Amino acid sequence: MQIKHAKYIISSPDYDKCPIPDRPEYAFIGRSNVGKSSLINMLCNNEKLAKTSGSPGKTQLINHFNINSAPSIVQKEKGKLQKETPITEWYLVDLPGYGFAKVSMSSRRRWEQMIENYLRKRENLTIVFVLLDARHSPQKIDLEFLEQLKTWQVPFCLAFTKADKVNQRTVSKNVKDFLEAMKKTWQFLPQHFVTSAAKKSGKQKILNFIEETNEGLQ
């Protein structure tokens, strides 16, 4: 799958203010400053789609993006008009990061409640991509967040980011160590992807995974 059209729609303060749940929805979340916006922009071929920042806690609302919702393009071939093969429309959602952020405790708690409401109550939420920094060994906060998703019965997969920032050996070790840490409490491991926004690695695998998931919903 290729993303041919991506457009920002709305930023919502809670799940009940989100767009009508009329299509599959894929949410992206991770610790603050994990490279979430950069990954989203890489997937959508638009460096300015999601706002990036070196300061943790930049994303504070539930941000929806319309994917592949442009009108069908009509092409002329051999004197005949032909429409492109229909493509599935879906929502991409940029969620606030969890963990460290330079905000007050009250603001942090509000974010936590907003995220929990969204993850537990958003009816068209298909899969959550949990982003993990490939430069680091397993972090307790990430493992605890996955346990919370298990409790809420939220389907998810893993996306290891910033794989270009360290050597491949380190990335492979950190990914393996994280999956091994999960095995202590998980019977089955989720699908995982290793990505780099700078090198665009992992992009097609993630998009193909989303495409296959959408096809399974039809």
C-alpha atoms as a PDB file:
ATOM      1  CA  MET A   1       0.000   0.000   0.000  1.00  0.00           C
ATOM      2  CA  GLN A   2       1.007   3.567  -0.695  1.00  0.00           C
ATOM      3  CA  ILE A   3      -0.474   6.573   1.083  1.00  0.00           C
ATOM      4  CA  LYS A   4      -1.624   8.819  -1.750  1.00  0.00           C
ATOM      5  CA  HIS A   5      -3.400  11.416   0.357  1.00  0.00           C
ATOM      6  CA  ALA A   6      -3.038  12.385   4.018  1.00  0.00           C
ATOM      7  CA  LYS A   7      -4.781  15.333   5.615  1.00  0.00           C
ATOM      8  CA  TYR A   8      -5.005  16.661   9.161  1.00  0.00           C
ATOM      9  CA  ILE A   9      -8.636  16.704  10.337  1.00  0.00           C
ATOM     10  CA  ILE A  10      -8.997  17.662  13.990  1.00  0.00           C
ATOM     11  CA  SER A  11      -7.418  17.705  17.448  1.00  0.00           C
ATOM     12  CA  SER A  12      -9.772  16.445  20.143  1.00  0.00           C
ATOM     13  CA  PRO A  13      -9.613  16.808  23.953  1.00  0.00           C
ATOM     14  CA  ASP A  14     -11.374  13.459  24.511  1.00  0.00           C
ATOM     15  CA  TYR A  15     -12.552  10.383  22.627  1.00  0.00           C
ATOM     16  CA  ASP A  16     -16.163  11.545  22.389  1.00  0.00           C
ATOM     17  CA  LYS A  17     -15.051  14.628  20.449  1.00  0.00           C
ATOM     18  CA  CYS A  18     -13.266  12.532  17.800  1.00  0.00           C
ATOM     19  CA  PRO A  19     -14.579  12.175  14.219  1.00  0.00           C
ATOM     20  CA  ILE A  20     -17.424   9.776  13.430  1.00  0.00           C
ATOM     21  CA  PRO A  21     -16.014   6.215  13.775  1.00  0.00           C
ATOM     22  CA  ASP A  22     -16.834   5.197  10.220  1.00  0.00           C
ATOM     23  CA  ARG A  23     -13.517   3.632   9.149  1.00  0.00           C
ATOM     24  CA  PRO A  24     -10.550   1.650  10.541  1.00  0.00           C
ATOM     25  CA  GLU A  25      -8.352   3.637  12.903  1.00  0.00           C
ATOM     26  CA  TYR A  26      -4.663   3.152  13.710  1.00  0.00           C
ATOM     27  CA  ALA A  27      -3.195   5.011  16.676  1.00  0.00           C
ATOM     28  CA  PHE A  28       0.469   5.778  17.373  1.00  0.00           C
ATOM     29  CA  ILE A  29       1.739   6.243  20.912  1.00  0.00           C
ATOM     30  CA  GLY A  30       5.024   6.039  22.821  1.00  0.00           C
ATOM     31  CA  ARG A  31       7.166   7.720  25.430  1.00  0.00           C
ATOM     32  CA  SER A  32       7.653  11.423  24.978  1.00  0.00           C
ATOM     33  CA  ASN A  33      10.275  12.236  22.334  1.00  0.00           C
ATOM     34  CA  VAL A  34      10.358   8.701  20.917  1.00  0.00           C
ATOM     35  CA  GLY A  35      10.128  10.011  17.350  1.00  0.00           C
ATOM     36  CA  LYS A  36       6.402   9.525  16.857  1.00  0.00           C
ATOM     37  CA  SER A  37       5.741  12.539  14.652  1.00  0.00           C
ATOM     38  CA  SER A  38       8.771  11.779  12.495  1.00  0.00           C
ATOM     39  CA  LEU A  39       7.553   8.214  11.938  1.00  0.00           C
ATOM     40  CA  ILE A  40       4.048   9.390  11.040  1.00  0.00           C
ATOM     41  CA  ASN A  41       5.434  11.938   8.577  1.00  0.00           C
ATOM     42  CA  MET A  42       7.650   9.289   6.999  1.00  0.00           C
ATOM     43  CA  LEU A  43       4.727   6.892   6.542  1.00  0.00           C
ATOM     44  CA  CYS A  44       2.612   9.637   4.972  1.00  0.00           C
ATOM     45  CA  ASN A  45       5.339  11.114   2.723  1.00  0.00           C
ATOM     46  CA  ASN A  46       4.838  14.527   4.300  1.00  0.00           C
ATOM     47  CA  GLU A  47       7.500  16.024   6.556  1.00  0.00           C
ATOM     48  CA  LYS A  48       5.119  18.732   7.764  1.00  0.00           C
ATOM     49  CA  LEU A  49       2.008  16.627   8.490  1.00  0.00           C
ATOM     50  CA  ALA A  50       2.556  15.923  12.180  1.00  0.00           C
ATOM     51  CA  LYS A  51       4.339  18.595  14.196  1.00  0.00           C
ATOM     52  CA  THR A  52       7.778  17.541  15.379  1.00  0.00           C
ATOM     53  CA  SER A  53       9.619  18.988  18.339  1.00  0.00           C
ATOM     54  CA  GLY A  54      12.732  18.344  20.393  1.00  0.00           C
ATOM     55  CA  SER A  55      10.724  19.133  23.513  1.00  0.00           C
ATOM     56  CA  PRO A  56       8.868  16.226  25.159  1.00  0.00           C
ATOM     57  CA  GLY A  57       5.127  16.624  25.586  1.00  0.00           C
ATOM     58  CA  LYS A  58       4.488  18.538  22.347  1.00  0.00           C
ATOM     59  CA  THR A  59       1.412  16.480  21.445  1.00  0.00           C
ATOM     60  CA  GLN A  60      -1.345  17.217  23.959  1.00  0.00           C
ATOM     61  CA  LEU A  61      -4.534  16.242  22.126  1.00  0.00           C
ATOM     62  CA  ILE A  62      -5.886  13.337  20.057  1.00  0.00           C
ATOM     63  CA  ASN A  63      -4.879  14.252  16.504  1.00  0.00           C
ATOM     64  CA  HIS A  64      -6.733  12.667  13.591  1.00  0.00           C
ATOM     65  CA  PHE A  65      -5.447  12.417  10.023  1.00  0.00           C
ATOM     66  CA  ASN A  66      -7.567  11.274   7.086  1.00  0.00           C
ATOM     67  CA  ILE A  67      -5.678   8.730   4.975  1.00  0.00           C
ATOM     68  CA  ASN A  68      -6.428   8.009   1.307  1.00  0.00           C
ATOM     69  CA  SER A  69      -9.695   9.931   1.416  1.00  0.00           C
ATOM     70  CA  ALA A  70      -9.122  11.968  -1.760  1.00  0.00           C
ATOM     71  CA  PRO A  71     -11.682  11.527  -4.579  1.00  0.00           C
ATOM     72  CA  SER A  72     -10.886   8.733  -7.024  1.00  0.00           C
ATOM     73  CA  ILE A  73      -8.648   9.934  -9.839  1.00  0.00           C
ATOM     74  CA  VAL A  74     -10.003   9.317 -13.318  1.00  0.00           C
ATOM     75  CA  GLN A  75      -7.382   8.425 -15.904  1.00  0.00           C
ATOM     76  CA  LYS A  76      -7.639   8.320 -19.678  1.00  0.00           C
ATOM     77  CA  GLU A  77      -6.090   5.268 -21.272  1.00  0.00           C
ATOM     78  CA  LYS A  78      -6.459   4.232 -24.914  1.00  0.00           C
ATOM     79  CA  GLY A  79      -9.346   6.627 -25.363  1.00  0.00           C
ATOM     80  CA  LYS A  80     -11.299   5.268 -22.380  1.00  0.00           C
ATOM     81  CA  LEU A  81     -11.883   6.771 -18.978  1.00  0.00           C
ATOM     82  CA  GLN A  82     -10.812   4.532 -16.143  1.00  0.00           C
ATOM     83  CA  LYS A  83     -11.039   4.978 -12.391  1.00  0.00           C
ATOM     84  CA  GLU A  84      -8.245   3.903 -10.133  1.00  0.00           C
ATOM     85  CA  THR A  85      -8.774   0.774  -8.070  1.00  0.00           C
ATOM     86  CA  PRO A  86     -10.638   1.828  -4.890  1.00  0.00           C
ATOM     87  CA  ILE A  87      -8.450   2.098  -1.818  1.00  0.00           C
ATOM     88  CA  THR A  88      -9.541   1.789   1.785  1.00  0.00           C
ATOM     89  CA  GLU A  89      -9.883   5.025   3.709  1.00  0.00           C
ATOM     90  CA  TRP A  90      -8.676   5.011   7.294  1.00  0.00           C
ATOM     91  CA  TYR A  91      -7.727   7.276  10.165  1.00  0.00           C
ATOM     92  CA  LEU A  92      -4.221   7.676  11.515  1.00  0.00           C
ATOM     93  CA  VAL A  93      -4.173   9.011  15.075  1.00  0.00           C
ATOM     94  CA  ASP A  94      -1.305  10.769  16.827  1.00  0.00           C
ATOM     95  CA  LEU A  95      -1.716  10.341  20.595  1.00  0.00           C
ATOM     96  CA  PRO A  96       0.078  12.229  23.383  1.00  0.00           C
ATOM     97  CA  GLY A  97       3.194  10.528  24.688  1.00  0.00           C
ATOM     98  CA  TYR A  98       3.327   8.825  28.054  1.00  0.00           C
ATOM     99  CA  GLY A  99       6.055   9.142  30.638  1.00  0.00           C
ATOM    100  CA  PHE A 100       8.286  12.164  31.174  1.00  0.00           C
ATOM    101  CA  ALA A 101       7.045  15.549  30.072  1.00  0.00           C
ATOM    102  CA  LYS A 102       7.635  19.036  31.470  1.00  0.00           C
ATOM    103  CA  VAL A 103       4.047  19.611  32.524  1.00  0.00           C
ATOM    104  CA  SER A 104       2.170  19.861  35.792  1.00  0.00           C
ATOM    105  CA  MET A 105       0.834  16.744  37.528  1.00  0.00           C
ATOM    106  CA  SER A 106      -2.718  17.884  36.867  1.00  0.00           C
ATOM    107  CA  SER A 107      -2.039  18.215  33.140  1.00  0.00           C
ATOM    108  CA  ARG A 108      -0.315  14.847  33.073  1.00  0.00           C
ATOM    109  CA  ARG A 109      -3.254  13.190  34.804  1.00  0.00           C
ATOM    110  CA  ARG A 110      -5.639  14.800  32.324  1.00  0.00           C
ATOM    111  CA  TRP A 111      -3.581  13.375  29.451  1.00  0.00           C
ATOM    112  CA  GLU A 112      -3.551   9.937  31.059  1.00  0.00           C
ATOM    113  CA  GLN A 113      -7.325   9.958  31.452  1.00  0.00           C
ATOM    114  CA  MET A 114      -7.802  11.197  27.901  1.00  0.00           C
ATOM    115  CA  ILE A 115      -5.575   8.418  26.537  1.00  0.00           C
ATOM    116  CA  GLU A 116      -7.274   5.747  28.640  1.00  0.00           C
ATOM    117  CA  ASN A 117     -10.740   6.864  27.536  1.00  0.00           C
ATOM    118  CA  TYR A 118      -9.671   6.812  23.913  1.00  0.00           C
ATOM    119  CA  LEU A 119      -7.986   3.404  24.042  1.00  0.00           C
ATOM    120  CA  ARG A 120     -10.816   1.739  25.943  1.00  0.00           C
ATOM    121  CA  LYS A 121     -13.848   3.395  24.341  1.00  0.00           C
ATOM    122  CA  ARG A 122     -12.993   4.309  20.747  1.00  0.00           C
ATOM    123  CA  GLU A 123     -15.070   1.710  18.905  1.00  0.00           C
ATOM    124  CA  ASN A 124     -13.296   1.779  15.538  1.00  0.00           C
ATOM    125  CA  LEU A 125      -9.775   1.614  16.988  1.00  0.00           C
ATOM    126  CA  THR A 126      -8.185  -1.249  15.055  1.00  0.00           C
ATOM    127  CA  ILE A 127      -4.599  -1.445  16.287  1.00  0.00           C
ATOM    128  CA  VAL A 128      -2.283   0.676  18.406  1.00  0.00           C
ATOM    129  CA  PHE A 129       1.324   1.075  17.309  1.00  0.00           C
ATOM    130  CA  VAL A 130       3.422   1.355  20.467  1.00  0.00           C
ATOM    131  CA  LEU A 131       6.684   3.112  19.646  1.00  0.00           C
ATOM    132  CA  LEU A 132       9.921   2.143  21.409  1.00  0.00           C
ATOM    133  CA  ASP A 133      13.331   3.784  21.083  1.00  0.00           C
ATOM    134  CA  ALA A 134      15.649   1.204  19.515  1.00  0.00           C
ATOM    135  CA  ARG A 135      18.681   2.905  21.055  1.00  0.00           C
ATOM    136  CA  HIS A 136      17.759   1.830  24.572  1.00  0.00           C
ATOM    137  CA  SER A 137      17.498  -1.389  26.533  1.00  0.00           C
ATOM    138  CA  PRO A 138      13.998  -2.389  27.778  1.00  0.00           C
ATOM    139  CA  GLN A 139      12.388   0.393  29.784  1.00  0.00           C
ATOM    140  CA  LYS A 140      10.088  -0.381  32.700  1.00  0.00           C
ATOM    141  CA  ILE A 141       7.596   2.309  31.705  1.00  0.00           C
ATOM    142  CA  ASP A 142       7.125   0.742  28.248  1.00  0.00           C
ATOM    143  CA  LEU A 143       6.612  -2.747  29.642  1.00  0.00           C
ATOM    144  CA  GLU A 144       4.124  -1.409  32.182  1.00  0.00           C
ATOM    145  CA  PHE A 145       2.178   0.386  29.451  1.00  0.00           C
ATOM    146  CA  LEU A 146       1.895  -2.851  27.468  1.00  0.00           C
ATOM    147  CA  GLU A 147       0.572  -4.607  30.570  1.00  0.00           C
ATOM    148  CA  GLN A 148      -2.069  -1.902  30.793  1.00  0.00           C
ATOM    149  CA  LEU A 149      -3.064  -2.528  27.187  1.00  0.00           C
ATOM    150  CA  LYS A 150      -3.393  -6.211  28.045  1.00  0.00           C
ATOM    151  CA  THR A 151      -5.725  -5.378  30.923  1.00  0.00           C
ATOM    152  CA  TRP A 152      -7.823  -3.177  28.635  1.00  0.00           C
ATOM    153  CA  GLN A 153      -7.708  -5.813  25.866  1.00  0.00           C
ATOM    154  CA  VAL A 154      -6.403  -3.336  23.318  1.00  0.00           C
ATOM    155  CA  PRO A 155      -4.714  -4.913  20.250  1.00  0.00           C
ATOM    156  CA  PHE A 156      -1.271  -3.534  19.499  1.00  0.00           C
ATOM    157  CA  CYS A 157       2.017  -4.049  17.704  1.00  0.00           C
ATOM    158  CA  LEU A 158       5.476  -2.597  18.318  1.00  0.00           C
ATOM    159  CA  ALA A 159       7.499  -0.136  16.248  1.00  0.00           C
ATOM    160  CA  PHE A 160      11.121   0.355  17.264  1.00  0.00           C
ATOM    161  CA  THR A 161      12.233   3.836  16.190  1.00  0.00           C
ATOM    162  CA  LYS A 162      15.512   5.666  15.507  1.00  0.00           C
ATOM    163  CA  ALA A 163      17.264   2.509  14.303  1.00  0.00           C
ATOM    164  CA  ASP A 164      19.712   4.660  12.338  1.00  0.00           C
ATOM    165  CA  LYS A 165      21.040   6.404  15.454  1.00  0.00           C
ATOM    166  CA  VAL A 166      23.109   3.438  16.679  1.00  0.00           C
ATOM    167  CA  ASN A 167      24.782   0.442  15.022  1.00  0.00           C
ATOM    168  CA  GLN A 168      22.715  -2.528  13.864  1.00  0.00           C
ATOM    169  CA  ARG A 169      24.178  -4.794  16.512  1.00  0.00           C
ATOM    170  CA  THR A 170      22.882  -2.555  19.288  1.00  0.00           C
ATOM    171  CA  VAL A 171      19.459  -2.299  17.665  1.00  0.00           C
ATOM    172  CA  SER A 172      19.176  -6.075  17.288  1.00  0.00           C
ATOM    173  CA  LYS A 173      20.207  -6.630  20.906  1.00  0.00           C
ATOM    174  CA  ASN A 174      17.747  -4.065  22.266  1.00  0.00           C
ATOM    175  CA  VAL A 175      14.881  -5.473  20.208  1.00  0.00           C
ATOM    176  CA  LYS A 176      15.704  -9.032  21.296  1.00  0.00           C
ATOM    177  CA  ASP A 177      16.038  -8.001  24.946  1.00  0.00           C
ATOM    178  CA  PHE A 178      12.684  -6.211  24.877  1.00  0.00           C
ATOM    179  CA  LEU A 179      10.897  -9.224  23.390  1.00  0.00           C
ATOM    180  CA  GLU A 180      12.587 -11.477  25.933  1.00  0.00           C
ATOM    181  CA  ALA A 181      11.378  -9.200  28.729  1.00  0.00           C
ATOM    182  CA  MET A 182       7.841  -9.479  27.355  1.00  0.00           C
ATOM    183  CA  LYS A 183       8.009 -13.269  27.414  1.00  0.00           C
ATOM    184  CA  LYS A 184       8.000 -13.166  31.202  1.00  0.00           C
ATOM    185  CA  THR A 185       4.337 -12.137  31.224  1.00  0.00           C
ATOM    186  CA  TRP A 186       3.125 -12.662  27.646  1.00  0.00           C
ATOM    187  CA  GLN A 187       2.272 -16.016  26.080  1.00  0.00           C
ATOM    188  CA  PHE A 188       2.266 -14.628  22.539  1.00  0.00           C
ATOM    189  CA  LEU A 189       4.422 -11.789  21.269  1.00  0.00           C
ATOM    190  CA  PRO A 190       2.983  -9.037  19.069  1.00  0.00           C
ATOM    191  CA  GLN A 191       4.125  -8.192  15.569  1.00  0.00           C
ATOM    192  CA  HIS A 192       7.057  -5.783  15.624  1.00  0.00           C
ATOM    193  CA  PHE A 193       8.768  -3.460  13.151  1.00  0.00           C
ATOM    194  CA  VAL A 194      12.202  -1.807  13.200  1.00  0.00           C
ATOM    195  CA  THR A 195      12.089   1.676  11.715  1.00  0.00           C
ATOM    196  CA  SER A 196      14.105   4.749  10.849  1.00  0.00           C
ATOM    197  CA  ALA A 197      12.369   7.933   9.768  1.00  0.00           C
ATOM    198  CA  ALA A 198      15.631   9.250   8.324  1.00  0.00           C
ATOM    199  CA  LYS A 199      16.280   6.184   6.157  1.00  0.00           C
ATOM    200  CA  LYS A 200      12.588   5.339   5.657  1.00  0.00           C
ATOM    201  CA  SER A 201      13.236   1.787   6.805  1.00  0.00           C
ATOM    202  CA  GLY A 202      10.267  -0.231   8.009  1.00  0.00           C
ATOM    203  CA  LYS A 203       7.875   2.008   6.099  1.00  0.00           C
ATOM    204  CA  GLN A 204       6.590  -0.490   3.547  1.00  0.00           C
ATOM    205  CA  LYS A 205       6.299  -3.287   6.086  1.00  0.00           C
ATOM    206  CA  ILE A 206       4.065  -1.143   8.308  1.00  0.00           C
ATOM    207  CA  LEU A 207       1.924   0.053   5.392  1.00  0.00           C
ATOM    208  CA  ASN A 208       1.552  -3.498   4.082  1.00  0.00           C
ATOM    209  CA  PHE A 209       0.530  -4.645   7.552  1.00  0.00           C
ATOM    210  CA  ILE A 210      -2.142  -1.938   7.727  1.00  0.00           C
ATOM    211  CA  GLU A 211      -3.363  -2.825   4.244  1.00  0.00           C
ATOM    212  CA  GLU A 212      -3.641  -6.516   5.121  1.00  0.00           C
ATOM    213  CA  THR A 213      -5.459  -5.673   8.340  1.00  0.00           C
ATOM    214  CA  ASN A 214      -7.921  -3.452   6.484  1.00  0.00           C
ATOM    215  CA  GLU A 215      -8.577  -6.204   3.957  1.00  0.00           C
ATOM    216  CA  GLY A 216      -9.323  -8.593   6.819  1.00  0.00           C
ATOM    217  CA  LEU A 217     -11.968  -6.195   8.131  1.00  0.00           C
ATOM    218  CA  GLN A 218     -13.920  -6.124   4.878  1.00  0.00           C
END
